[in-house]
């Protein structure tokens, strides 16, 4: 399976975990991510998760893909083992964790 096709499948699975009202935004995220991967501007979600899963600090329960400060960013919603929600921002081109915000 190609990286692009794998990214689309993984984005679709991530979107399935979200409430229906959020689906319209996820579909746009999926389209943006697919185009960015095809242009070589971002790594596929599967590749990002392979690289950063151990450093996320918990279970991924949501994801967004957006442009921030001239770069593509995956924003993961993560629940840590203590049940606390975190937003973890990951550079889509390099898989570097940029920031963590606890809620």
C-alpha atoms as a PDB file:
ATOM      1  CA  UNK A   1       0.000   0.000   0.000  1.00  0.00           C
ATOM      2  CA  UNK A   2       1.398   3.432  -0.929  1.00  0.00           C
ATOM      3  CA  UNK A   3       2.191   6.048   1.723  1.00  0.00           C
ATOM      4  CA  UNK A   4      -0.573   8.302   0.419  1.00  0.00           C
ATOM      5  CA  UNK A   5      -3.192   5.550   0.499  1.00  0.00           C
ATOM      6  CA  UNK A   6      -2.035   4.486   3.986  1.00  0.00           C
ATOM      7  CA  UNK A   7      -2.296   8.113   5.187  1.00  0.00           C
ATOM      8  CA  UNK A   8      -5.853   8.326   3.891  1.00  0.00           C
ATOM      9  CA  UNK A   9      -6.809   5.078   5.636  1.00  0.00           C
ATOM     10  CA  UNK A  10      -5.272   6.172   8.942  1.00  0.00           C
ATOM     11  CA  UNK A  11      -6.892   9.629   8.733  1.00  0.00           C
ATOM     12  CA  UNK A  12     -10.216   7.940   8.076  1.00  0.00           C
ATOM     13  CA  UNK A  13      -9.803   5.730  11.125  1.00  0.00           C
ATOM     14  CA  UNK A  14      -8.884   8.738  13.276  1.00  0.00           C
ATOM     15  CA  UNK A  15     -11.936  10.602  11.995  1.00  0.00           C
ATOM     16  CA  UNK A  16     -14.181   7.661  12.905  1.00  0.00           C
ATOM     17  CA  UNK A  17     -13.306   8.222  16.563  1.00  0.00           C
ATOM     18  CA  UNK A  18     -14.667  11.771  16.535  1.00  0.00           C
ATOM     19  CA  UNK A  19     -18.242  12.969  17.092  1.00  0.00           C
ATOM     20  CA  UNK A  20     -20.373  13.454  13.936  1.00  0.00           C
ATOM     21  CA  UNK A  21     -20.336  17.269  14.218  1.00  0.00           C
ATOM     22  CA  UNK A  22     -16.554  17.197  13.861  1.00  0.00           C
ATOM     23  CA  UNK A  23     -16.626  15.047  10.716  1.00  0.00           C
ATOM     24  CA  UNK A  24     -16.879  17.954   8.254  1.00  0.00           C
ATOM     25  CA  UNK A  25     -13.653  19.428   9.611  1.00  0.00           C
ATOM     26  CA  UNK A  26     -11.920  16.010   9.572  1.00  0.00           C
ATOM     27  CA  UNK A  27     -12.805  15.560   5.911  1.00  0.00           C
ATOM     28  CA  UNK A  28     -11.136  18.848   5.102  1.00  0.00           C
ATOM     29  CA  UNK A  29      -8.134  17.804   7.233  1.00  0.00           C
ATOM     30  CA  UNK A  30      -7.930  14.558   5.302  1.00  0.00           C
ATOM     31  CA  UNK A  31      -7.970  16.364   1.963  1.00  0.00           C
ATOM     32  CA  UNK A  32      -5.329  18.877   3.096  1.00  0.00           C
ATOM     33  CA  UNK A  33      -3.113  16.121   4.477  1.00  0.00           C
ATOM     34  CA  UNK A  34      -3.394  14.015   1.326  1.00  0.00           C
ATOM     35  CA  UNK A  35      -2.425  16.951  -0.889  1.00  0.00           C
ATOM     36  CA  UNK A  36       0.470  17.953   1.401  1.00  0.00           C
ATOM     37  CA  UNK A  37       1.798  14.373   1.401  1.00  0.00           C
ATOM     38  CA  UNK A  38       1.480  14.165  -2.391  1.00  0.00           C
ATOM     39  CA  UNK A  39       3.449  17.432  -2.754  1.00  0.00           C
ATOM     40  CA  UNK A  40       6.158  16.195  -0.375  1.00  0.00           C
ATOM     41  CA  UNK A  41       5.347  18.909   2.190  1.00  0.00           C
ATOM     42  CA  UNK A  42       4.328  16.472   4.926  1.00  0.00           C
ATOM     43  CA  UNK A  43       4.895  12.915   6.028  1.00  0.00           C
ATOM     44  CA  UNK A  44       1.957  10.533   6.011  1.00  0.00           C
ATOM     45  CA  UNK A  45       0.127  10.179   9.316  1.00  0.00           C
ATOM     46  CA  UNK A  46       1.198   6.532   9.609  1.00  0.00           C
ATOM     47  CA  UNK A  47       4.862   7.603   9.357  1.00  0.00           C
ATOM     48  CA  UNK A  48       4.384  10.395  11.910  1.00  0.00           C
ATOM     49  CA  UNK A  49       2.734   8.004  14.370  1.00  0.00           C
ATOM     50  CA  UNK A  50       5.499   5.432  13.889  1.00  0.00           C
ATOM     51  CA  UNK A  51       8.078   8.075  14.784  1.00  0.00           C
ATOM     52  CA  UNK A  52       6.348   9.827  17.712  1.00  0.00           C
ATOM     53  CA  UNK A  53       3.880   7.384  19.284  1.00  0.00           C
ATOM     54  CA  UNK A  54       6.201   6.509  22.181  1.00  0.00           C
ATOM     55  CA  UNK A  55       6.756  10.219  22.927  1.00  0.00           C
ATOM     56  CA  UNK A  56       3.097  11.280  22.843  1.00  0.00           C
ATOM     57  CA  UNK A  57       2.545  10.208  26.441  1.00  0.00           C
ATOM     58  CA  UNK A  58      -0.732   8.371  26.076  1.00  0.00           C
ATOM     59  CA  UNK A  59      -3.490   7.277  23.720  1.00  0.00           C
ATOM     60  CA  UNK A  60      -4.393   9.367  20.677  1.00  0.00           C
ATOM     61  CA  UNK A  61      -8.128  10.175  20.736  1.00  0.00           C
ATOM     62  CA  UNK A  62      -8.258  12.867  18.061  1.00  0.00           C
ATOM     63  CA  UNK A  63      -6.213  14.581  15.388  1.00  0.00           C
ATOM     64  CA  UNK A  64      -6.206  17.748  13.305  1.00  0.00           C
ATOM     65  CA  UNK A  65      -4.030  18.752  10.375  1.00  0.00           C
ATOM     66  CA  UNK A  66      -3.456  22.452   9.879  1.00  0.00           C
ATOM     67  CA  UNK A  67      -1.099  25.136   8.649  1.00  0.00           C
ATOM     68  CA  UNK A  68       0.644  27.058  11.450  1.00  0.00           C
ATOM     69  CA  UNK A  69       3.417  29.575  10.968  1.00  0.00           C
ATOM     70  CA  UNK A  70       4.331  28.515   7.429  1.00  0.00           C
ATOM     71  CA  UNK A  71       4.379  24.773   8.192  1.00  0.00           C
ATOM     72  CA  UNK A  72       1.983  21.847   8.300  1.00  0.00           C
ATOM     73  CA  UNK A  73       1.267  20.555  11.789  1.00  0.00           C
ATOM     74  CA  UNK A  74      -0.464  17.446  13.095  1.00  0.00           C
ATOM     75  CA  UNK A  75      -2.268  18.292  16.344  1.00  0.00           C
ATOM     76  CA  UNK A  76      -2.919  15.167  18.390  1.00  0.00           C
ATOM     77  CA  UNK A  77      -5.405  15.008  21.253  1.00  0.00           C
ATOM     78  CA  UNK A  78      -3.862  12.583  23.743  1.00  0.00           C
ATOM     79  CA  UNK A  79      -5.202  11.131  26.994  1.00  0.00           C
ATOM     80  CA  UNK A  80      -2.363  10.301  29.383  1.00  0.00           C
ATOM     81  CA  UNK A  81      -2.470   7.332  31.819  1.00  0.00           C
ATOM     82  CA  UNK A  82      -3.883   9.641  34.532  1.00  0.00           C
ATOM     83  CA  UNK A  83      -6.805  10.641  32.292  1.00  0.00           C
ATOM     84  CA  UNK A  84      -5.512  14.139  31.539  1.00  0.00           C
ATOM     85  CA  UNK A  85      -6.053  15.598  28.053  1.00  0.00           C
ATOM     86  CA  UNK A  86      -3.053  16.959  26.151  1.00  0.00           C
ATOM     87  CA  UNK A  87      -2.680  18.609  22.771  1.00  0.00           C
ATOM     88  CA  UNK A  88       0.607  17.615  21.165  1.00  0.00           C
ATOM     89  CA  UNK A  89       1.737  19.564  18.101  1.00  0.00           C
ATOM     90  CA  UNK A  90       4.009  17.714  15.660  1.00  0.00           C
ATOM     91  CA  UNK A  91       5.779  19.179  12.618  1.00  0.00           C
ATOM     92  CA  UNK A  92       4.303  17.257   9.684  1.00  0.00           C
ATOM     93  CA  UNK A  93       7.497  17.441   7.616  1.00  0.00           C
ATOM     94  CA  UNK A  94       9.995  16.332  10.268  1.00  0.00           C
ATOM     95  CA  UNK A  95       7.948  14.521  12.958  1.00  0.00           C
ATOM     96  CA  UNK A  96       9.485  16.834  15.590  1.00  0.00           C
ATOM     97  CA  UNK A  97       7.268  17.495  18.596  1.00  0.00           C
ATOM     98  CA  UNK A  98       6.826  21.262  18.675  1.00  0.00           C
ATOM     99  CA  UNK A  99       4.685  21.825  21.748  1.00  0.00           C
ATOM    100  CA  UNK A 100       2.493  20.171  24.401  1.00  0.00           C
ATOM    101  CA  UNK A 101      -0.458  21.806  26.081  1.00  0.00           C
ATOM    102  CA  UNK A 102      -2.259  20.225  29.026  1.00  0.00           C
ATOM    103  CA  UNK A 103      -5.942  20.759  29.781  1.00  0.00           C
END
